[in-house]
Amino acid sequence: MFNPTYLYIKTHDITGLKYFGKTISDPYKYRGSGVRWLNHLSVHGNKVTTEIVGYYEVLEECNKAALEFSEKYDIVKSDEWANLIIEDGLMGGFTEDHGKKIKEIWENLTDEEKEYRRKISNPRIGMTDIELARYEETHRQSMIDMYNSDNGKKLKKRKQEIGKSMLVNGKRILTEEARQKMRESAKRTNEIRAAKKKNISLDE
């Protein structure tokens, strides 16, 4: 079941930094969930202006609009935006069947659409060495700040509890589906690394 979802832009009134996100609640009251964005608010305060990009009741329309916006404004690479990852408009709009819905969307895409989504979902693809270094440092520092915060410490503890609950006789047991996803992710990562070493683009 897809919950109606807002896509919005938050602009900090003092610094001008922007954040593109989604929510199923009131977008004017919702602060956002991005690590860098929340860190920015903790330092500079919560005075922001909210702009509604769209309200979507259809899953595919929300997903398409979010991806197109993310690419158009280059929200990961641009210094104007606080986003560290591409916004796909999906996570906030799903209930317990999120994984199933993602799979349904993927199965209905053409090969060209799948390649397009792979491209924009990995912000590291196409970055120069300078851009990549800046991105990695920003992401690293944001994660450090997040995990040092009170909410970050609670999240870390929760992850540890979940990890322990998945152990069987002290070992983690993965489903075949999980193993396959890990293999696919590793394969894609190796392809990107190999292309970077050869100084070529996977999109050529």
N, C-alpha and C. Protein backbone atom coordinates (compact mmCIF):
# COMPACT_ATOMS: atom_id res chain seq x y z
N MET A 1 0.84 -1.20 0.00
CA MET A 1 0.00 0.00 0.00
C MET A 1 0.87 1.25 0.00
N PHE A 2 0.62 2.15 -0.93
CA PHE A 2 1.39 3.38 -1.03
C PHE A 2 0.63 4.51 -0.36
N ASN A 3 1.28 5.15 0.60
CA ASN A 3 0.66 6.29 1.27
C ASN A 3 0.91 7.56 0.48
N PRO A 4 -0.09 8.41 0.28
CA PRO A 4 0.10 9.68 -0.43
C PRO A 4 1.30 10.42 0.14
N THR A 5 2.13 10.94 -0.75
CA THR A 5 3.43 11.49 -0.35
C THR A 5 3.66 12.89 -0.92
N TYR A 6 4.23 13.74 -0.09
CA TYR A 6 4.65 15.07 -0.52
C TYR A 6 6.12 15.04 -0.88
N LEU A 7 6.47 15.73 -1.96
CA LEU A 7 7.86 16.06 -2.26
C LEU A 7 8.01 17.54 -1.94
N TYR A 8 9.09 17.90 -1.26
CA TYR A 8 9.23 19.28 -0.81
C TYR A 8 10.67 19.76 -0.91
N ILE A 9 10.82 21.07 -0.84
CA ILE A 9 12.13 21.71 -0.75
C ILE A 9 12.17 22.51 0.54
N LYS A 10 13.21 22.30 1.33
CA LYS A 10 13.45 23.11 2.52
C LYS A 10 14.63 24.04 2.21
N THR A 11 14.48 25.32 2.49
CA THR A 11 15.56 26.28 2.31
C THR A 11 15.83 26.98 3.62
N HIS A 12 17.08 26.92 4.08
CA HIS A 12 17.41 27.56 5.35
C HIS A 12 17.42 29.07 5.17
N ASP A 13 16.65 29.77 6.03
CA ASP A 13 16.47 31.21 5.86
C ASP A 13 17.76 32.00 6.08
N ILE A 14 18.70 31.47 6.85
CA ILE A 14 19.93 32.20 7.15
C ILE A 14 21.05 31.85 6.19
N THR A 15 21.27 30.57 5.96
CA THR A 15 22.42 30.13 5.15
C THR A 15 22.07 29.91 3.68
N GLY A 16 20.78 29.68 3.38
CA GLY A 16 20.38 29.43 2.00
C GLY A 16 20.54 27.99 1.56
N LEU A 17 21.07 27.12 2.43
CA LEU A 17 21.23 25.71 2.06
C LEU A 17 19.86 25.08 1.85
N LYS A 18 19.77 24.20 0.83
CA LYS A 18 18.50 23.58 0.49
C LYS A 18 18.53 22.07 0.74
N TYR A 19 17.34 21.52 0.93
CA TYR A 19 17.21 20.07 1.11
C TYR A 19 15.94 19.61 0.40
N PHE A 20 16.08 18.58 -0.43
CA PHE A 20 14.95 18.01 -1.16
C PHE A 20 14.56 16.69 -0.50
N GLY A 21 13.29 16.56 -0.15
CA GLY A 21 12.88 15.35 0.54
C GLY A 21 11.42 14.99 0.30
N LYS A 22 10.96 13.98 1.04
CA LYS A 22 9.58 13.53 0.92
C LYS A 22 9.06 13.19 2.31
N THR A 23 7.74 13.21 2.44
CA THR A 23 7.12 12.84 3.70
C THR A 23 5.65 12.50 3.48
N ILE A 24 5.12 11.67 4.36
CA ILE A 24 3.69 11.35 4.30
C ILE A 24 2.93 12.16 5.35
N SER A 25 3.66 12.97 6.12
CA SER A 25 3.03 13.81 7.13
C SER A 25 2.98 15.26 6.64
N ASP A 26 2.73 16.20 7.52
CA ASP A 26 2.64 17.61 7.16
C ASP A 26 4.05 18.12 6.79
N PRO A 27 4.29 18.48 5.54
CA PRO A 27 5.64 18.89 5.11
C PRO A 27 6.10 20.19 5.76
N TYR A 28 5.16 21.00 6.25
CA TYR A 28 5.54 22.26 6.88
C TYR A 28 6.02 22.03 8.31
N LYS A 29 5.57 20.95 8.93
CA LYS A 29 5.99 20.64 10.29
C LYS A 29 7.16 19.65 10.30
N TYR A 30 7.23 18.83 9.27
CA TYR A 30 8.29 17.82 9.18
C TYR A 30 9.63 18.51 8.91
N ARG A 31 10.66 18.18 9.69
CA ARG A 31 11.96 18.86 9.58
C ARG A 31 12.82 18.32 8.45
N GLY A 32 12.60 17.06 8.05
CA GLY A 32 13.48 16.40 7.09
C GLY A 32 14.26 15.32 7.82
N SER A 33 14.93 14.46 7.07
CA SER A 33 15.63 13.33 7.69
C SER A 33 17.08 13.18 7.24
N GLY A 34 17.54 14.03 6.36
CA GLY A 34 18.92 13.92 5.89
C GLY A 34 19.93 14.21 6.98
N VAL A 35 20.99 13.41 7.03
CA VAL A 35 22.01 13.56 8.07
C VAL A 35 22.66 14.93 8.03
N ARG A 36 23.12 15.34 6.85
CA ARG A 36 23.78 16.65 6.74
C ARG A 36 22.79 17.78 7.03
N TRP A 37 21.56 17.62 6.56
CA TRP A 37 20.54 18.66 6.76
C TRP A 37 20.23 18.84 8.25
N LEU A 38 20.03 17.75 8.97
CA LEU A 38 19.72 17.83 10.39
C LEU A 38 20.90 18.38 11.17
N ASN A 39 22.12 18.03 10.77
CA ASN A 39 23.30 18.61 11.42
C ASN A 39 23.36 20.12 11.19
N HIS A 40 22.98 20.53 9.97
CA HIS A 40 22.97 21.95 9.63
C HIS A 40 21.96 22.71 10.51
N LEU A 41 20.79 22.10 10.72
CA LEU A 41 19.77 22.72 11.56
C LEU A 41 20.24 22.83 13.01
N SER A 42 20.96 21.82 13.47
CA SER A 42 21.43 21.83 14.86
C SER A 42 22.44 22.96 15.10
N VAL A 43 23.16 23.35 14.04
CA VAL A 43 24.16 24.40 14.16
C VAL A 43 23.57 25.79 13.90
N HIS A 44 22.72 25.89 12.88
CA HIS A 44 22.25 27.20 12.43
C HIS A 44 20.80 27.51 12.81
N GLY A 45 20.12 26.57 13.45
CA GLY A 45 18.76 26.83 13.87
C GLY A 45 17.73 26.30 12.88
N ASN A 46 16.45 26.35 13.27
CA ASN A 46 15.38 25.73 12.50
C ASN A 46 14.55 26.69 11.64
N LYS A 47 15.08 27.88 11.39
CA LYS A 47 14.32 28.83 10.58
C LYS A 47 14.47 28.46 9.10
N VAL A 48 13.44 27.84 8.55
CA VAL A 48 13.47 27.39 7.16
C VAL A 48 12.17 27.75 6.44
N THR A 49 12.26 27.80 5.13
CA THR A 49 11.09 28.01 4.28
C THR A 49 10.81 26.71 3.54
N THR A 50 9.56 26.29 3.52
CA THR A 50 9.18 25.03 2.88
C THR A 50 8.37 25.29 1.61
N GLU A 51 8.77 24.64 0.54
CA GLU A 51 8.07 24.74 -0.75
C GLU A 51 7.62 23.35 -1.17
N ILE A 52 6.35 23.21 -1.53
CA ILE A 52 5.82 21.92 -1.97
C ILE A 52 6.10 21.73 -3.46
N VAL A 53 6.79 20.66 -3.79
CA VAL A 53 7.06 20.34 -5.19
C VAL A 53 5.87 19.61 -5.80
N GLY A 54 5.26 18.72 -5.02
CA GLY A 54 4.10 17.99 -5.52
C GLY A 54 3.52 17.06 -4.47
N TYR A 55 2.28 16.66 -4.70
CA TYR A 55 1.59 15.72 -3.82
C TYR A 55 1.16 14.55 -4.69
N TYR A 56 1.56 13.33 -4.31
CA TYR A 56 1.38 12.17 -5.18
C TYR A 56 0.62 11.05 -4.48
N GLU A 57 -0.35 10.53 -5.18
CA GLU A 57 -1.12 9.39 -4.68
C GLU A 57 -0.81 8.12 -5.46
N VAL A 58 -0.03 8.28 -6.53
CA VAL A 58 0.36 7.14 -7.36
C VAL A 58 1.86 6.93 -7.22
N LEU A 59 2.24 5.73 -6.83
CA LEU A 59 3.62 5.36 -6.55
C LEU A 59 4.57 5.74 -7.69
N GLU A 60 4.25 5.29 -8.90
CA GLU A 60 5.16 5.50 -10.03
C GLU A 60 5.36 6.99 -10.33
N GLU A 61 4.31 7.79 -10.17
CA GLU A 61 4.41 9.22 -10.44
C GLU A 61 5.32 9.91 -9.44
N CYS A 62 5.21 9.51 -8.18
CA CYS A 62 6.05 10.07 -7.14
C CYS A 62 7.52 9.72 -7.38
N ASN A 63 7.76 8.46 -7.67
CA ASN A 63 9.11 7.98 -7.93
C ASN A 63 9.75 8.71 -9.11
N LYS A 64 9.01 8.83 -10.20
CA LYS A 64 9.50 9.48 -11.41
C LYS A 64 9.82 10.96 -11.15
N ALA A 65 8.91 11.65 -10.47
CA ALA A 65 9.11 13.07 -10.20
C ALA A 65 10.33 13.31 -9.31
N ALA A 66 10.51 12.47 -8.30
CA ALA A 66 11.63 12.62 -7.37
C ALA A 66 12.96 12.40 -8.08
N LEU A 67 13.03 11.35 -8.90
CA LEU A 67 14.28 11.06 -9.62
C LEU A 67 14.62 12.16 -10.60
N GLU A 68 13.62 12.66 -11.32
CA GLU A 68 13.86 13.71 -12.31
C GLU A 68 14.33 14.99 -11.63
N PHE A 69 13.73 15.33 -10.48
CA PHE A 69 14.14 16.52 -9.74
C PHE A 69 15.57 16.37 -9.24
N SER A 70 15.86 15.18 -8.69
CA SER A 70 17.21 14.92 -8.16
C SER A 70 18.28 15.09 -9.23
N GLU A 71 17.98 14.61 -10.43
CA GLU A 71 18.94 14.72 -11.51
C GLU A 71 19.02 16.14 -12.05
N LYS A 72 17.88 16.79 -12.22
CA LYS A 72 17.84 18.15 -12.78
C LYS A 72 18.67 19.13 -11.96
N TYR A 73 18.55 19.04 -10.64
CA TYR A 73 19.26 19.99 -9.78
C TYR A 73 20.56 19.40 -9.20
N ASP A 74 20.88 18.17 -9.60
CA ASP A 74 22.14 17.54 -9.20
C ASP A 74 22.35 17.67 -7.70
N ILE A 75 21.33 17.26 -6.93
CA ILE A 75 21.27 17.57 -5.50
C ILE A 75 22.39 16.95 -4.66
N VAL A 76 23.04 15.90 -5.15
CA VAL A 76 24.12 15.28 -4.38
C VAL A 76 25.44 16.02 -4.59
N LYS A 77 25.75 16.37 -5.82
CA LYS A 77 27.02 17.04 -6.12
C LYS A 77 27.00 18.53 -5.81
N SER A 78 25.83 19.15 -5.94
CA SER A 78 25.75 20.60 -5.79
C SER A 78 25.93 21.04 -4.34
N ASP A 79 26.72 22.10 -4.15
CA ASP A 79 26.93 22.66 -2.82
C ASP A 79 25.69 23.38 -2.30
N GLU A 80 24.72 23.62 -3.19
CA GLU A 80 23.50 24.31 -2.77
C GLU A 80 22.55 23.41 -2.00
N TRP A 81 22.78 22.08 -2.11
CA TRP A 81 21.86 21.13 -1.51
C TRP A 81 22.56 20.30 -0.43
N ALA A 82 21.78 19.93 0.60
CA ALA A 82 22.32 19.15 1.72
C ALA A 82 22.19 17.65 1.51
N ASN A 83 21.55 17.24 0.42
CA ASN A 83 21.33 15.82 0.18
C ASN A 83 22.63 15.07 -0.06
N LEU A 84 22.80 13.94 0.63
CA LEU A 84 23.98 13.09 0.44
C LEU A 84 23.68 11.92 -0.48
N ILE A 85 22.40 11.63 -0.69
CA ILE A 85 22.00 10.56 -1.60
C ILE A 85 20.84 11.05 -2.46
N ILE A 86 20.61 10.37 -3.56
CA ILE A 86 19.50 10.70 -4.44
C ILE A 86 18.17 10.47 -3.72
N GLU A 87 17.23 11.38 -3.89
CA GLU A 87 15.89 11.19 -3.35
C GLU A 87 15.03 10.48 -4.39
N ASP A 88 14.48 9.30 -4.04
CA ASP A 88 13.66 8.57 -5.00
C ASP A 88 12.17 8.66 -4.69
N GLY A 89 11.81 9.32 -3.58
CA GLY A 89 10.40 9.51 -3.27
C GLY A 89 9.67 8.30 -2.76
N LEU A 90 10.39 7.22 -2.47
CA LEU A 90 9.72 5.97 -2.13
C LEU A 90 9.66 5.63 -0.65
N MET A 91 10.79 5.71 0.02
CA MET A 91 10.87 5.16 1.37
C MET A 91 9.79 5.70 2.30
N GLY A 92 9.51 6.99 2.23
CA GLY A 92 8.53 7.57 3.15
C GLY A 92 7.10 7.19 2.84
N GLY A 93 6.85 6.66 1.64
CA GLY A 93 5.48 6.41 1.25
C GLY A 93 5.01 4.99 1.39
N PHE A 94 5.86 4.11 1.90
CA PHE A 94 5.50 2.70 1.99
C PHE A 94 5.27 2.25 3.42
N THR A 95 4.42 1.27 3.57
CA THR A 95 4.21 0.65 4.87
C THR A 95 5.00 -0.66 4.88
N GLU A 96 4.40 -1.73 5.40
CA GLU A 96 5.15 -2.96 5.59
C GLU A 96 5.53 -3.68 4.30
N ASP A 97 4.89 -3.35 3.18
CA ASP A 97 5.18 -4.05 1.93
C ASP A 97 6.13 -3.27 1.03
N HIS A 98 6.99 -2.48 1.62
CA HIS A 98 7.91 -1.64 0.86
C HIS A 98 8.78 -2.44 -0.11
N GLY A 99 9.40 -3.51 0.41
CA GLY A 99 10.27 -4.32 -0.43
C GLY A 99 9.54 -4.90 -1.63
N LYS A 100 8.33 -5.34 -1.42
CA LYS A 100 7.52 -5.92 -2.50
C LYS A 100 7.23 -4.88 -3.56
N LYS A 101 6.91 -3.67 -3.15
CA LYS A 101 6.58 -2.61 -4.09
C LYS A 101 7.80 -2.21 -4.92
N ILE A 102 8.96 -2.13 -4.26
CA ILE A 102 10.19 -1.79 -4.98
C ILE A 102 10.45 -2.83 -6.07
N LYS A 103 10.26 -4.10 -5.72
CA LYS A 103 10.49 -5.19 -6.67
C LYS A 103 9.53 -5.08 -7.84
N GLU A 104 8.27 -4.73 -7.58
CA GLU A 104 7.27 -4.60 -8.64
C GLU A 104 7.65 -3.48 -9.61
N ILE A 105 8.11 -2.35 -9.05
CA ILE A 105 8.51 -1.23 -9.90
C ILE A 105 9.67 -1.65 -10.80
N TRP A 106 10.66 -2.31 -10.20
CA TRP A 106 11.86 -2.71 -10.95
C TRP A 106 11.53 -3.69 -12.07
N GLU A 107 10.62 -4.63 -11.81
CA GLU A 107 10.26 -5.63 -12.81
C GLU A 107 9.56 -5.02 -14.01
N ASN A 108 8.91 -3.87 -13.80
CA ASN A 108 8.16 -3.23 -14.88
C ASN A 108 8.97 -2.20 -15.67
N LEU A 109 10.22 -2.03 -15.31
CA LEU A 109 11.07 -1.05 -16.00
C LEU A 109 11.71 -1.68 -17.23
N THR A 110 11.98 -0.84 -18.22
CA THR A 110 12.73 -1.31 -19.39
C THR A 110 14.20 -1.35 -19.00
N ASP A 111 15.03 -2.00 -19.82
CA ASP A 111 16.47 -2.06 -19.55
C ASP A 111 17.06 -0.66 -19.50
N GLU A 112 16.56 0.23 -20.38
CA GLU A 112 17.06 1.60 -20.42
C GLU A 112 16.72 2.34 -19.12
N GLU A 113 15.50 2.14 -18.63
CA GLU A 113 15.08 2.79 -17.39
C GLU A 113 15.87 2.26 -16.19
N LYS A 114 16.15 0.96 -16.20
CA LYS A 114 16.94 0.38 -15.11
C LYS A 114 18.34 0.97 -15.09
N GLU A 115 18.94 1.10 -16.26
CA GLU A 115 20.29 1.65 -16.33
C GLU A 115 20.31 3.11 -15.87
N TYR A 116 19.27 3.84 -16.24
CA TYR A 116 19.16 5.25 -15.84
C TYR A 116 19.09 5.37 -14.32
N ARG A 117 18.32 4.49 -13.70
CA ARG A 117 18.16 4.54 -12.24
C ARG A 117 19.43 4.10 -11.53
N ARG A 118 20.13 3.13 -12.10
CA ARG A 118 21.41 2.73 -11.51
C ARG A 118 22.39 3.90 -11.55
N LYS A 119 22.36 4.63 -12.65
CA LYS A 119 23.28 5.74 -12.84
C LYS A 119 23.06 6.83 -11.81
N ILE A 120 21.82 7.31 -11.65
CA ILE A 120 21.59 8.44 -10.76
C ILE A 120 21.50 8.03 -9.30
N SER A 121 21.30 6.73 -9.03
CA SER A 121 21.21 6.30 -7.63
C SER A 121 22.59 6.17 -6.99
N ASN A 122 23.64 6.15 -7.82
CA ASN A 122 25.00 6.09 -7.29
C ASN A 122 25.70 7.41 -7.62
N PRO A 123 25.71 8.36 -6.68
CA PRO A 123 26.27 9.68 -6.97
C PRO A 123 27.76 9.67 -7.29
N ARG A 124 28.46 8.59 -6.95
CA ARG A 124 29.90 8.55 -7.18
C ARG A 124 30.25 8.37 -8.66
N ILE A 125 29.31 7.81 -9.43
CA ILE A 125 29.58 7.57 -10.85
C ILE A 125 29.71 8.91 -11.57
N GLY A 126 30.78 9.07 -12.29
CA GLY A 126 30.99 10.28 -13.08
C GLY A 126 31.66 11.42 -12.33
N MET A 127 31.94 11.24 -11.03
CA MET A 127 32.61 12.30 -10.27
C MET A 127 34.09 12.36 -10.63
N THR A 128 34.63 13.56 -10.61
CA THR A 128 36.07 13.70 -10.76
C THR A 128 36.71 13.31 -9.43
N ASP A 129 38.03 13.16 -9.41
CA ASP A 129 38.71 12.79 -8.17
C ASP A 129 38.49 13.83 -7.08
N ILE A 130 38.47 15.11 -7.47
CA ILE A 130 38.26 16.19 -6.50
C ILE A 130 36.84 16.14 -5.95
N GLU A 131 35.85 15.94 -6.84
CA GLU A 131 34.46 15.87 -6.41
C GLU A 131 34.25 14.66 -5.51
N LEU A 132 34.86 13.53 -5.87
CA LEU A 132 34.71 12.32 -5.08
C LEU A 132 35.32 12.49 -3.69
N ALA A 133 36.48 13.10 -3.63
CA ALA A 133 37.15 13.31 -2.34
C ALA A 133 36.31 14.22 -1.44
N ARG A 134 35.75 15.27 -2.03
CA ARG A 134 34.91 16.19 -1.26
C ARG A 134 33.63 15.50 -0.79
N TYR A 135 33.04 14.71 -1.67
CA TYR A 135 31.83 13.98 -1.32
C TYR A 135 32.09 13.00 -0.18
N GLU A 136 33.16 12.23 -0.30
CA GLU A 136 33.48 11.23 0.71
C GLU A 136 33.76 11.88 2.07
N GLU A 137 34.46 13.01 2.07
CA GLU A 137 34.76 13.70 3.32
C GLU A 137 33.49 14.27 3.96
N THR A 138 32.63 14.86 3.13
CA THR A 138 31.37 15.41 3.64
C THR A 138 30.51 14.31 4.22
N HIS A 139 30.43 13.19 3.51
CA HIS A 139 29.63 12.06 3.96
C HIS A 139 30.23 11.48 5.25
N ARG A 140 31.54 11.34 5.30
CA ARG A 140 32.21 10.77 6.48
C ARG A 140 31.96 11.63 7.71
N GLN A 141 32.14 12.96 7.55
CA GLN A 141 31.97 13.85 8.69
C GLN A 141 30.51 13.90 9.14
N SER A 142 29.58 13.84 8.18
CA SER A 142 28.16 13.85 8.53
C SER A 142 27.78 12.61 9.33
N MET A 143 28.34 11.46 8.93
CA MET A 143 28.05 10.23 9.66
C MET A 143 28.64 10.26 11.07
N ILE A 144 29.84 10.84 11.20
CA ILE A 144 30.45 10.97 12.52
C ILE A 144 29.59 11.85 13.42
N ASP A 145 29.17 12.99 12.88
CA ASP A 145 28.33 13.91 13.65
C ASP A 145 27.01 13.25 14.05
N MET A 146 26.43 12.49 13.10
CA MET A 146 25.16 11.85 13.37
C MET A 146 25.28 10.82 14.49
N TYR A 147 26.29 9.96 14.41
CA TYR A 147 26.44 8.90 15.41
C TYR A 147 26.92 9.42 16.77
N ASN A 148 27.46 10.64 16.79
CA ASN A 148 27.84 11.23 18.06
C ASN A 148 26.69 11.97 18.73
N SER A 149 25.61 12.18 17.98
CA SER A 149 24.44 12.85 18.55
C SER A 149 23.65 11.86 19.41
N ASP A 150 22.73 12.36 20.22
CA ASP A 150 21.91 11.50 21.09
C ASP A 150 21.09 10.52 20.26
N ASN A 151 20.47 11.03 19.18
CA ASN A 151 19.66 10.15 18.33
C ASN A 151 20.54 9.12 17.62
N GLY A 152 21.76 9.54 17.27
CA GLY A 152 22.67 8.61 16.61
C GLY A 152 23.10 7.48 17.52
N LYS A 153 23.33 7.79 18.79
CA LYS A 153 23.71 6.77 19.77
C LYS A 153 22.57 5.77 19.97
N LYS A 154 21.34 6.27 19.96
CA LYS A 154 20.18 5.39 20.10
C LYS A 154 20.05 4.48 18.87
N LEU A 155 20.30 5.06 17.69
CA LEU A 155 20.23 4.29 16.45
C LEU A 155 21.29 3.20 16.43
N LYS A 156 22.50 3.55 16.85
CA LYS A 156 23.60 2.58 16.88
C LYS A 156 23.26 1.43 17.82
N LYS A 157 22.71 1.75 18.98
CA LYS A 157 22.34 0.71 19.95
C LYS A 157 21.25 -0.18 19.38
N ARG A 158 20.29 0.43 18.69
CA ARG A 158 19.19 -0.34 18.09
C ARG A 158 19.71 -1.28 17.02
N LYS A 159 20.65 -0.81 16.19
CA LYS A 159 21.24 -1.65 15.15
C LYS A 159 21.97 -2.84 15.75
N GLN A 160 22.66 -2.58 16.85
CA GLN A 160 23.39 -3.66 17.52
C GLN A 160 22.42 -4.71 18.06
N GLU A 161 21.29 -4.26 18.59
CA GLU A 161 20.29 -5.17 19.12
C GLU A 161 19.68 -6.02 18.00
N ILE A 162 19.41 -5.36 16.86
CA ILE A 162 18.85 -6.08 15.71
C ILE A 162 19.85 -7.10 15.19
N GLY A 163 21.12 -6.70 15.14
CA GLY A 163 22.16 -7.60 14.67
C GLY A 163 22.28 -8.84 15.53
N LYS A 164 22.20 -8.66 16.84
CA LYS A 164 22.30 -9.79 17.75
C LYS A 164 21.10 -10.71 17.61
N SER A 165 19.92 -10.13 17.33
CA SER A 165 18.71 -10.94 17.21
C SER A 165 18.72 -11.83 15.97
N MET A 166 19.59 -11.48 15.00
CA MET A 166 19.67 -12.24 13.75
C MET A 166 20.69 -13.37 13.83
N LEU A 167 21.40 -13.46 14.94
CA LEU A 167 22.41 -14.49 15.08
C LEU A 167 21.81 -15.83 15.50
N VAL A 168 22.33 -16.90 14.93
CA VAL A 168 21.93 -18.25 15.30
C VAL A 168 23.20 -18.98 15.74
N ASN A 169 23.24 -19.35 17.01
CA ASN A 169 24.45 -19.96 17.59
C ASN A 169 25.69 -19.11 17.35
N GLY A 170 25.48 -17.80 17.49
CA GLY A 170 26.60 -16.88 17.35
C GLY A 170 26.97 -16.53 15.93
N LYS A 171 26.24 -17.05 14.94
CA LYS A 171 26.54 -16.77 13.55
C LYS A 171 25.32 -16.16 12.86
N ARG A 172 25.59 -15.27 11.91
CA ARG A 172 24.52 -14.62 11.17
C ARG A 172 24.12 -15.49 9.98
N ILE A 173 22.84 -15.82 9.89
CA ILE A 173 22.33 -16.65 8.81
C ILE A 173 21.61 -15.78 7.80
N LEU A 174 22.09 -15.78 6.55
CA LEU A 174 21.48 -14.98 5.49
C LEU A 174 20.61 -15.84 4.60
N THR A 175 19.51 -15.24 4.12
CA THR A 175 18.66 -15.94 3.17
C THR A 175 19.36 -15.93 1.82
N GLU A 176 18.93 -16.79 0.91
CA GLU A 176 19.53 -16.85 -0.41
C GLU A 176 19.27 -15.53 -1.16
N GLU A 177 18.09 -14.94 -0.92
CA GLU A 177 17.76 -13.66 -1.56
C GLU A 177 18.73 -12.58 -1.11
N ALA A 178 19.05 -12.57 0.20
CA ALA A 178 19.98 -11.58 0.72
C ALA A 178 21.37 -11.79 0.15
N ARG A 179 21.77 -13.07 0.03
CA ARG A 179 23.08 -13.37 -0.53
C ARG A 179 23.18 -12.91 -1.99
N GLN A 180 22.08 -13.11 -2.75
CA GLN A 180 22.07 -12.72 -4.15
C GLN A 180 22.19 -11.21 -4.30
N LYS A 181 21.51 -10.46 -3.43
CA LYS A 181 21.59 -9.00 -3.47
C LYS A 181 23.01 -8.54 -3.15
N MET A 182 23.65 -9.22 -2.22
CA MET A 182 25.02 -8.87 -1.87
C MET A 182 25.97 -9.14 -3.04
N ARG A 183 25.73 -10.26 -3.74
CA ARG A 183 26.57 -10.59 -4.90
C ARG A 183 26.40 -9.55 -6.01
N GLU A 184 25.14 -9.14 -6.25
CA GLU A 184 24.86 -8.16 -7.29
C GLU A 184 25.48 -6.81 -6.96
N SER A 185 25.39 -6.43 -5.69
CA SER A 185 25.97 -5.16 -5.25
C SER A 185 27.48 -5.18 -5.40
N ALA A 186 28.11 -6.29 -5.02
CA ALA A 186 29.56 -6.42 -5.12
C ALA A 186 30.01 -6.38 -6.58
N LYS A 187 29.24 -7.02 -7.45
CA LYS A 187 29.57 -7.04 -8.87
C LYS A 187 29.53 -5.64 -9.45
N ARG A 188 28.49 -4.89 -9.08
CA ARG A 188 28.35 -3.54 -9.60
C ARG A 188 29.49 -2.65 -9.09
N THR A 189 29.82 -2.81 -7.82
CA THR A 189 30.91 -2.03 -7.23
C THR A 189 32.23 -2.31 -7.94
N ASN A 190 32.49 -3.58 -8.23
CA ASN A 190 33.72 -3.96 -8.93
C ASN A 190 33.76 -3.39 -10.34
N GLU A 191 32.60 -3.34 -10.99
CA GLU A 191 32.54 -2.78 -12.34
C GLU A 191 32.89 -1.29 -12.32
N ILE A 192 32.37 -0.58 -11.33
CA ILE A 192 32.63 0.85 -11.20
C ILE A 192 34.10 1.10 -10.92
N ARG A 193 34.68 0.30 -10.02
CA ARG A 193 36.09 0.46 -9.68
C ARG A 193 36.99 0.17 -10.88
N ALA A 194 36.63 -0.88 -11.64
CA ALA A 194 37.44 -1.25 -12.81
C ALA A 194 37.38 -0.16 -13.86
N ALA A 195 36.17 0.41 -14.05
CA ALA A 195 36.02 1.48 -15.04
C ALA A 195 36.80 2.71 -14.63
N LYS A 196 36.78 3.01 -13.33
CA LYS A 196 37.50 4.19 -12.83
C LYS A 196 39.01 4.03 -13.02
N LYS A 197 39.52 2.81 -12.78
CA LYS A 197 40.95 2.56 -12.96
C LYS A 197 41.37 2.75 -14.41
N LYS A 198 40.46 2.36 -15.33
CA LYS A 198 40.76 2.49 -16.75
C LYS A 198 40.43 3.88 -17.26
N ASN A 199 39.88 4.73 -16.33
CA ASN A 199 39.52 6.11 -16.68
C ASN A 199 38.47 6.15 -17.79
N ILE A 200 37.48 5.25 -17.69
CA ILE A 200 36.39 5.25 -18.65
C ILE A 200 35.08 5.34 -17.92
N SER A 201 34.02 5.69 -18.65
CA SER A 201 32.70 5.81 -18.06
C SER A 201 31.86 4.61 -18.44
N LEU A 202 31.06 4.10 -17.49
CA LEU A 202 30.17 2.97 -17.78
C LEU A 202 29.03 3.40 -18.67
N ASP A 203 28.85 4.70 -18.84
CA ASP A 203 27.71 5.19 -19.60
C ASP A 203 28.05 5.46 -21.06
N GLU A 204 29.29 5.25 -21.42
CA GLU A 204 29.69 5.51 -22.81
C GLU A 204 29.20 4.40 -23.73
